[in-house]
């Protein structure tokens, strides 16, 4: 997949490339605006587990 011979590198295929780039462009992939509190056990502290 990450081989220099893969023409879609770093993606596995044209389809994956389009899906990932589309998600970035539509801002579906985002960094959290604030860090979770230090005492959060895991995941998003705003979501009940």
N, C-alpha and C. Protein backbone atom coordinates (compact mmCIF):
# COMPACT_ATOMS: atom_id res chain seq x y z
N UNK A 1 0.83 -1.20 0.00
CA UNK A 1 0.00 0.00 0.00
C UNK A 1 0.87 1.26 0.00
N UNK A 2 1.91 1.31 0.83
CA UNK A 2 2.74 2.51 0.91
C UNK A 2 3.95 2.43 -0.01
N UNK A 3 3.98 1.42 -0.84
CA UNK A 3 5.08 1.24 -1.76
C UNK A 3 5.16 2.41 -2.74
N UNK A 4 6.36 2.84 -3.08
CA UNK A 4 6.50 3.90 -4.10
C UNK A 4 5.84 3.53 -5.43
N UNK A 5 5.66 2.24 -5.67
CA UNK A 5 5.02 1.80 -6.91
C UNK A 5 3.51 2.04 -6.90
N UNK A 6 2.92 2.26 -5.74
CA UNK A 6 1.48 2.51 -5.65
C UNK A 6 1.19 3.93 -6.13
N UNK A 7 0.50 4.06 -7.22
CA UNK A 7 0.26 5.40 -7.79
C UNK A 7 -0.73 6.23 -6.96
N UNK A 8 -1.44 5.60 -6.02
CA UNK A 8 -2.39 6.33 -5.17
C UNK A 8 -1.80 6.65 -3.80
N UNK A 9 -0.55 6.32 -3.61
CA UNK A 9 0.13 6.51 -2.33
C UNK A 9 -0.13 7.91 -1.79
N UNK A 10 -0.47 8.12 -0.56
CA UNK A 10 -0.52 7.20 0.56
C UNK A 10 -1.87 6.48 0.69
N UNK A 11 -2.74 6.60 -0.29
CA UNK A 11 -4.04 5.94 -0.26
C UNK A 11 -3.92 4.57 -0.91
N UNK A 12 -4.88 3.68 -0.61
CA UNK A 12 -4.81 2.34 -1.19
C UNK A 12 -5.39 2.31 -2.60
N UNK A 13 -6.27 3.25 -2.92
CA UNK A 13 -6.90 3.25 -4.25
C UNK A 13 -7.45 4.64 -4.55
N UNK A 14 -7.87 4.83 -5.77
CA UNK A 14 -8.50 6.10 -6.17
C UNK A 14 -9.75 6.36 -5.35
N UNK A 15 -10.54 5.31 -5.10
CA UNK A 15 -11.77 5.46 -4.32
C UNK A 15 -11.47 5.95 -2.90
N UNK A 16 -10.49 5.34 -2.24
CA UNK A 16 -10.12 5.77 -0.88
C UNK A 16 -9.61 7.20 -0.89
N UNK A 17 -8.84 7.53 -1.90
CA UNK A 17 -8.32 8.89 -2.02
C UNK A 17 -9.46 9.90 -2.10
N UNK A 18 -10.44 9.64 -2.94
CA UNK A 18 -11.56 10.56 -3.11
C UNK A 18 -12.39 10.67 -1.83
N UNK A 19 -12.61 9.55 -1.16
CA UNK A 19 -13.38 9.56 0.09
C UNK A 19 -12.65 10.38 1.15
N UNK A 20 -11.36 10.11 1.35
CA UNK A 20 -10.59 10.84 2.37
C UNK A 20 -10.48 12.32 2.05
N UNK A 21 -10.13 12.65 0.84
CA UNK A 21 -9.98 14.07 0.48
C UNK A 21 -11.33 14.78 0.56
N UNK A 22 -12.40 14.10 0.20
CA UNK A 22 -13.73 14.69 0.32
C UNK A 22 -14.09 14.95 1.78
N UNK A 23 -13.73 14.03 2.66
CA UNK A 23 -14.01 14.22 4.09
C UNK A 23 -13.21 15.39 4.65
N UNK A 24 -11.95 15.53 4.24
CA UNK A 24 -11.15 16.68 4.71
C UNK A 24 -11.76 17.98 4.16
N UNK A 25 -12.13 17.99 2.89
CA UNK A 25 -12.66 19.21 2.28
C UNK A 25 -13.97 19.64 2.92
N UNK A 26 -14.80 18.68 3.33
CA UNK A 26 -16.08 19.02 3.95
C UNK A 26 -15.96 19.20 5.47
N UNK A 27 -14.70 19.13 5.95
CA UNK A 27 -14.39 19.30 7.37
C UNK A 27 -15.01 18.22 8.25
N UNK A 28 -15.20 17.01 7.70
CA UNK A 28 -15.64 15.88 8.51
C UNK A 28 -14.53 15.41 9.43
N UNK A 29 -13.27 15.61 9.00
CA UNK A 29 -12.11 15.30 9.84
C UNK A 29 -11.68 16.60 10.49
N UNK A 30 -11.70 16.63 11.80
CA UNK A 30 -11.30 17.85 12.52
C UNK A 30 -10.50 17.48 13.76
N UNK A 31 -9.70 18.40 14.19
CA UNK A 31 -9.00 18.28 15.46
C UNK A 31 -9.92 18.85 16.53
N UNK A 32 -9.92 18.26 17.73
CA UNK A 32 -10.78 18.81 18.79
C UNK A 32 -10.34 20.23 19.15
N UNK A 33 -11.32 21.07 19.45
CA UNK A 33 -11.04 22.47 19.79
C UNK A 33 -10.48 22.59 21.20
N UNK A 34 -10.79 21.64 22.06
CA UNK A 34 -10.29 21.70 23.42
C UNK A 34 -9.85 20.31 23.86
N UNK A 35 -8.86 20.27 24.71
CA UNK A 35 -8.36 18.99 25.20
C UNK A 35 -9.31 18.44 26.26
N UNK A 36 -9.45 17.12 26.33
CA UNK A 36 -10.29 16.55 27.38
C UNK A 36 -9.64 16.79 28.75
N UNK A 37 -10.42 16.81 29.79
CA UNK A 37 -9.85 17.02 31.12
C UNK A 37 -8.89 15.88 31.48
N UNK A 38 -7.92 16.19 32.32
CA UNK A 38 -6.90 15.21 32.69
C UNK A 38 -7.50 13.99 33.37
N UNK A 39 -8.66 14.13 34.01
CA UNK A 39 -9.24 12.99 34.72
C UNK A 39 -10.19 12.16 33.86
N UNK A 40 -10.31 12.48 32.57
CA UNK A 40 -11.17 11.69 31.69
C UNK A 40 -10.53 10.32 31.47
N UNK A 41 -11.30 9.25 31.66
CA UNK A 41 -10.74 7.90 31.51
C UNK A 41 -10.43 7.57 30.07
N UNK A 42 -11.32 7.90 29.14
CA UNK A 42 -11.11 7.60 27.74
C UNK A 42 -12.13 8.36 26.90
N UNK A 43 -11.79 8.55 25.64
CA UNK A 43 -12.72 9.13 24.68
C UNK A 43 -13.13 10.56 24.97
N UNK A 44 -14.23 10.94 24.43
CA UNK A 44 -14.76 12.29 24.53
C UNK A 44 -15.49 12.43 25.86
N UNK A 45 -15.04 13.33 26.74
CA UNK A 45 -15.67 13.47 28.05
C UNK A 45 -17.11 13.99 27.97
N UNK A 46 -17.49 14.54 26.81
CA UNK A 46 -18.86 15.07 26.68
C UNK A 46 -19.86 13.97 26.38
N UNK A 47 -19.38 12.75 26.09
CA UNK A 47 -20.23 11.63 25.75
C UNK A 47 -20.26 10.66 26.92
N UNK A 48 -21.46 10.32 27.38
CA UNK A 48 -21.57 9.36 28.48
C UNK A 48 -21.26 7.96 27.97
N UNK A 49 -20.56 7.18 28.77
CA UNK A 49 -20.19 5.81 28.40
C UNK A 49 -20.90 4.83 29.27
